[in-house]
Amino acid sequence: MLKKISFVILVLLLIGMLTSSVFAASNTLTILGVWTGAEAEAFNKMVAPFEADT
């Protein structure tokens, strides 16, 4: 019984992952947070190549 339940949960998780990847293919990235100082500089350096490509 536990194997069957585990299998069903696994299948549902896999289906969820596959369907969520369709929605993740969007061209929009939203960042919720505020960085200042060295963190902001490091974040902006990391984001710059992505912004240049879009």
PDB file of N, CA and C in Angstrom:
ATOM      1  N   MET A   1       0.822  -1.192   0.000  1.00  0.00           N
ATOM      2  CA  MET A   1       0.000   0.000   0.000  1.00  0.00           C
ATOM      3  C   MET A   1       0.869   1.261   0.000  1.00  0.00           C
ATOM      4  N   LEU A   2       1.921   1.270   0.810  1.00  0.00           N
ATOM      5  CA  LEU A   2       2.803   2.431   0.883  1.00  0.00           C
ATOM      6  C   LEU A   2       3.520   2.654  -0.440  1.00  0.00           C
ATOM      7  N   LYS A   3       3.876   1.554  -1.123  1.00  0.00           N
ATOM      8  CA  LYS A   3       4.537   1.685  -2.427  1.00  0.00           C
ATOM      9  C   LYS A   3       3.599   2.329  -3.442  1.00  0.00           C
ATOM     10  N   LYS A   4       2.336   1.944  -3.412  1.00  0.00           N
ATOM     11  CA  LYS A   4       1.370   2.514  -4.353  1.00  0.00           C
ATOM     12  C   LYS A   4       1.180   4.005  -4.104  1.00  0.00           C
ATOM     13  N   ILE A   5       1.062   4.374  -2.841  1.00  0.00           N
ATOM     14  CA  ILE A   5       0.883   5.787  -2.506  1.00  0.00           C
ATOM     15  C   ILE A   5       2.123   6.578  -2.905  1.00  0.00           C
ATOM     16  N   SER A   6       3.294   6.024  -2.633  1.00  0.00           N
ATOM     17  CA  SER A   6       4.542   6.693  -3.002  1.00  0.00           C
ATOM     18  C   SER A   6       4.638   6.864  -4.511  1.00  0.00           C
ATOM     19  N   PHE A   7       4.238   5.851  -5.246  1.00  0.00           N
ATOM     20  CA  PHE A   7       4.284   5.917  -6.699  1.00  0.00           C
ATOM     21  C   PHE A   7       3.336   6.993  -7.223  1.00  0.00           C
ATOM     22  N   VAL A   8       2.138   7.050  -6.679  1.00  0.00           N
ATOM     23  CA  VAL A   8       1.158   8.049  -7.111  1.00  0.00           C
ATOM     24  C   VAL A   8       1.680   9.453  -6.813  1.00  0.00           C
ATOM     25  N   ILE A   9       2.255   9.641  -5.644  1.00  0.00           N
ATOM     26  CA  ILE A   9       2.812  10.949  -5.291  1.00  0.00           C
ATOM     27  C   ILE A   9       3.944  11.316  -6.240  1.00  0.00           C
ATOM     28  N   LEU A  10       4.803  10.358  -6.543  1.00  0.00           N
ATOM     29  CA  LEU A  10       5.904  10.602  -7.466  1.00  0.00           C
ATOM     30  C   LEU A  10       5.392  11.005  -8.846  1.00  0.00           C
ATOM     31  N   VAL A  11       4.407  10.304  -9.342  1.00  0.00           N
ATOM     32  CA  VAL A  11       3.840  10.617 -10.656  1.00  0.00           C
ATOM     33  C   VAL A  11       3.221  12.016 -10.649  1.00  0.00           C
ATOM     34  N   LEU A  12       2.496  12.350  -9.592  1.00  0.00           N
ATOM     35  CA  LEU A  12       1.889  13.677  -9.513  1.00  0.00           C
ATOM     36  C   LEU A  12       2.949  14.775  -9.458  1.00  0.00           C
ATOM     37  N   LEU A  13       4.021  14.535  -8.727  1.00  0.00           N
ATOM     38  CA  LEU A  13       5.105  15.513  -8.676  1.00  0.00           C
ATOM     39  C   LEU A  13       5.760  15.688 -10.038  1.00  0.00           C
ATOM     40  N   LEU A  14       5.978  14.596 -10.744  1.00  0.00           N
ATOM     41  CA  LEU A  14       6.577  14.682 -12.074  1.00  0.00           C
ATOM     42  C   LEU A  14       5.674  15.436 -13.042  1.00  0.00           C
ATOM     43  N   ILE A  15       4.390  15.168 -12.980  1.00  0.00           N
ATOM     44  CA  ILE A  15       3.446  15.881 -13.839  1.00  0.00           C
ATOM     45  C   ILE A  15       3.464  17.371 -13.501  1.00  0.00           C
ATOM     46  N   GLY A  16       3.500  17.690 -12.218  1.00  0.00           N
ATOM     47  CA  GLY A  16       3.564  19.085 -11.801  1.00  0.00           C
ATOM     48  C   GLY A  16       4.813  19.772 -12.299  1.00  0.00           C
ATOM     49  N   MET A  17       5.945  19.076 -12.242  1.00  0.00           N
ATOM     50  CA  MET A  17       7.197  19.659 -12.721  1.00  0.00           C
ATOM     51  C   MET A  17       7.149  19.895 -14.221  1.00  0.00           C
ATOM     52  N   LEU A  18       6.597  18.949 -14.961  1.00  0.00           N
ATOM     53  CA  LEU A  18       6.530  19.093 -16.411  1.00  0.00           C
ATOM     54  C   LEU A  18       5.599  20.226 -16.822  1.00  0.00           C
ATOM     55  N   THR A  19       4.465  20.353 -16.156  1.00  0.00           N
ATOM     56  CA  THR A  19       3.530  21.414 -16.526  1.00  0.00           C
ATOM     57  C   THR A  19       4.024  22.775 -16.068  1.00  0.00           C
ATOM     58  N   SER A  20       4.738  22.837 -14.960  1.00  0.00           N
ATOM     59  CA  SER A  20       5.233  24.136 -14.500  1.00  0.00           C
ATOM     60  C   SER A  20       6.352  24.650 -15.394  1.00  0.00           C
ATOM     61  N   SER A  21       7.070  23.756 -16.063  1.00  0.00           N
ATOM     62  CA  SER A  21       8.136  24.209 -16.958  1.00  0.00           C
ATOM     63  C   SER A  21       7.570  24.960 -18.159  1.00  0.00           C
ATOM     64  N   VAL A  22       6.347  24.666 -18.535  1.00  0.00           N
ATOM     65  CA  VAL A  22       5.702  25.391 -19.628  1.00  0.00           C
ATOM     66  C   VAL A  22       5.508  26.847 -19.228  1.00  0.00           C
ATOM     67  N   PHE A  23       5.089  27.072 -18.001  1.00  0.00           N
ATOM     68  CA  PHE A  23       4.865  28.437 -17.532  1.00  0.00           C
ATOM     69  C   PHE A  23       6.179  29.150 -17.239  1.00  0.00           C
ATOM     70  N   ALA A  24       7.224  28.421 -16.952  1.00  0.00           N
ATOM     71  CA  ALA A  24       8.521  29.022 -16.651  1.00  0.00           C
ATOM     72  C   ALA A  24       9.229  29.503 -17.914  1.00  0.00           C
ATOM     73  N   ALA A  25       8.704  29.177 -19.078  1.00  0.00           N
ATOM     74  CA  ALA A  25       9.345  29.550 -20.333  1.00  0.00           C
ATOM     75  C   ALA A  25       9.058  31.001 -20.721  1.00  0.00           C
ATOM     76  N   SER A  26       8.474  31.751 -19.837  1.00  0.00           N
ATOM     77  CA  SER A  26       8.168  33.156 -20.111  1.00  0.00           C
ATOM     78  C   SER A  26       9.450  33.976 -20.166  1.00  0.00           C
ATOM     79  N   ASN A  27       9.385  35.148 -20.754  1.00  0.00           N
ATOM     80  CA  ASN A  27      10.552  36.019 -20.883  1.00  0.00           C
ATOM     81  C   ASN A  27      10.639  37.052 -19.776  1.00  0.00           C
ATOM     82  N   THR A  28       9.857  36.910 -18.734  1.00  0.00           N
ATOM     83  CA  THR A  28       9.826  37.887 -17.661  1.00  0.00           C
ATOM     84  C   THR A  28      10.352  37.271 -16.374  1.00  0.00           C
ATOM     85  N   LEU A  29      11.222  38.011 -15.721  1.00  0.00           N
ATOM     86  CA  LEU A  29      11.745  37.596 -14.424  1.00  0.00           C
ATOM     87  C   LEU A  29      11.450  38.713 -13.441  1.00  0.00           C
ATOM     88  N   THR A  30      10.786  38.372 -12.359  1.00  0.00           N
ATOM     89  CA  THR A  30      10.456  39.359 -11.343  1.00  0.00           C
ATOM     90  C   THR A  30      11.255  39.057 -10.087  1.00  0.00           C
ATOM     91  N   ILE A  31      11.991  40.047  -9.613  1.00  0.00           N
ATOM     92  CA  ILE A  31      12.788  39.910  -8.401  1.00  0.00           C
ATOM     93  C   ILE A  31      12.112  40.721  -7.307  1.00  0.00           C
ATOM     94  N   LEU A  32      11.776  40.073  -6.219  1.00  0.00           N
ATOM     95  CA  LEU A  32      11.188  40.768  -5.079  1.00  0.00           C
ATOM     96  C   LEU A  32      12.243  40.838  -3.990  1.00  0.00           C
ATOM     97  N   GLY A  33      12.786  41.991  -3.791  1.00  0.00           N
ATOM     98  CA  GLY A  33      13.797  42.159  -2.754  1.00  0.00           C
ATOM     99  C   GLY A  33      14.540  43.461  -2.962  1.00  0.00           C
ATOM    100  N   VAL A  34      15.199  43.889  -1.921  1.00  0.00           N
ATOM    101  CA  VAL A  34      15.972  45.128  -1.983  1.00  0.00           C
ATOM    102  C   VAL A  34      17.388  44.821  -1.535  1.00  0.00           C
ATOM    103  N   TRP A  35      18.352  45.179  -2.368  1.00  0.00           N
ATOM    104  CA  TRP A  35      19.753  45.009  -2.027  1.00  0.00           C
ATOM    105  C   TRP A  35      20.411  46.373  -1.978  1.00  0.00           C
ATOM    106  N   THR A  36      21.370  46.514  -1.089  1.00  0.00           N
ATOM    107  CA  THR A  36      22.132  47.758  -1.000  1.00  0.00           C
ATOM    108  C   THR A  36      23.605  47.426  -0.839  1.00  0.00           C
ATOM    109  N   GLY A  37      24.431  48.390  -1.098  1.00  0.00           N
ATOM    110  CA  GLY A  37      25.869  48.237  -0.878  1.00  0.00           C
ATOM    111  C   GLY A  37      26.496  47.193  -1.777  1.00  0.00           C
ATOM    112  N   ALA A  38      27.397  46.398  -1.197  1.00  0.00           N
ATOM    113  CA  ALA A  38      28.137  45.385  -1.953  1.00  0.00           C
ATOM    114  C   ALA A  38      27.211  44.325  -2.532  1.00  0.00           C
ATOM    115  N   GLU A  39      26.138  43.986  -1.798  1.00  0.00           N
ATOM    116  CA  GLU A  39      25.176  43.007  -2.313  1.00  0.00           C
ATOM    117  C   GLU A  39      24.529  43.516  -3.593  1.00  0.00           C
ATOM    118  N   ALA A  40      24.147  44.779  -3.607  1.00  0.00           N
ATOM    119  CA  ALA A  40      23.507  45.363  -4.793  1.00  0.00           C
ATOM    120  C   ALA A  40      24.463  45.377  -5.971  1.00  0.00           C
ATOM    121  N   GLU A  41      25.717  45.723  -5.730  1.00  0.00           N
ATOM    122  CA  GLU A  41      26.712  45.746  -6.806  1.00  0.00           C
ATOM    123  C   GLU A  41      26.917  44.349  -7.388  1.00  0.00           C
ATOM    124  N   ALA A  42      27.036  43.352  -6.521  1.00  0.00           N
ATOM    125  CA  ALA A  42      27.226  41.973  -6.989  1.00  0.00           C
ATOM    126  C   ALA A  42      26.000  41.491  -7.756  1.00  0.00           C
ATOM    127  N   PHE A  43      24.817  41.825  -7.260  1.00  0.00           N
ATOM    128  CA  PHE A  43      23.588  41.415  -7.935  1.00  0.00           C
ATOM    129  C   PHE A  43      23.483  42.070  -9.307  1.00  0.00           C
ATOM    130  N   ASN A  44      23.768  43.353  -9.383  1.00  0.00           N
ATOM    131  CA  ASN A  44      23.684  44.065 -10.666  1.00  0.00           C
ATOM    132  C   ASN A  44      24.690  43.527 -11.677  1.00  0.00           C
ATOM    133  N   LYS A  45      25.876  43.136 -11.226  1.00  0.00           N
ATOM    134  CA  LYS A  45      26.861  42.531 -12.134  1.00  0.00           C
ATOM    135  C   LYS A  45      26.356  41.194 -12.661  1.00  0.00           C
ATOM    136  N   MET A  46      25.688  40.440 -11.801  1.00  0.00           N
ATOM    137  CA  MET A  46      25.170  39.137 -12.204  1.00  0.00           C
ATOM    138  C   MET A  46      24.009  39.293 -13.184  1.00  0.00           C
ATOM    139  N   VAL A  47      23.184  40.314 -12.995  1.00  0.00           N
ATOM    140  CA  VAL A  47      21.989  40.510 -13.821  1.00  0.00           C
ATOM    141  C   VAL A  47      22.313  41.182 -15.156  1.00  0.00           C
ATOM    142  N   ALA A  48      23.382  41.938 -15.222  1.00  0.00           N
ATOM    143  CA  ALA A  48      23.716  42.717 -16.423  1.00  0.00           C
ATOM    144  C   ALA A  48      23.727  41.896 -17.713  1.00  0.00           C
ATOM    145  N   PRO A  49      24.346  40.705 -17.759  1.00  0.00           N
ATOM    146  CA  PRO A  49      24.321  39.938 -19.014  1.00  0.00           C
ATOM    147  C   PRO A  49      22.909  39.534 -19.446  1.00  0.00           C
ATOM    148  N   PHE A  50      22.044  39.235 -18.490  1.00  0.00           N
ATOM    149  CA  PHE A  50      20.672  38.866 -18.827  1.00  0.00           C
ATOM    150  C   PHE A  50      19.908  40.064 -19.372  1.00  0.00           C
ATOM    151  N   GLU A  51      20.134  41.230 -18.770  1.00  0.00           N
ATOM    152  CA  GLU A  51      19.462  42.432 -19.258  1.00  0.00           C
ATOM    153  C   GLU A  51      19.966  42.812 -20.647  1.00  0.00           C
ATOM    154  N   ALA A  52      21.236  42.593 -20.915  1.00  0.00           N
ATOM    155  CA  ALA A  52      21.794  42.920 -22.227  1.00  0.00           C
ATOM    156  C   ALA A  52      21.210  42.029 -23.321  1.00  0.00           C
ATOM    157  N   ASP A  53      20.878  40.789 -22.978  1.00  0.00           N
ATOM    158  CA  ASP A  53      20.331  39.850 -23.961  1.00  0.00           C
ATOM    159  C   ASP A  53      18.854  40.074 -24.240  1.00  0.00           C
ATOM    160  N   THR A  54      18.178  40.830 -23.396  1.00  0.00           N
ATOM    161  CA  THR A  54      16.730  41.005 -23.576  1.00  0.00           C
ATOM    162  C   THR A  54      16.376  42.399 -23.987  1.00  0.00           C
TER     163      THR A  54
END
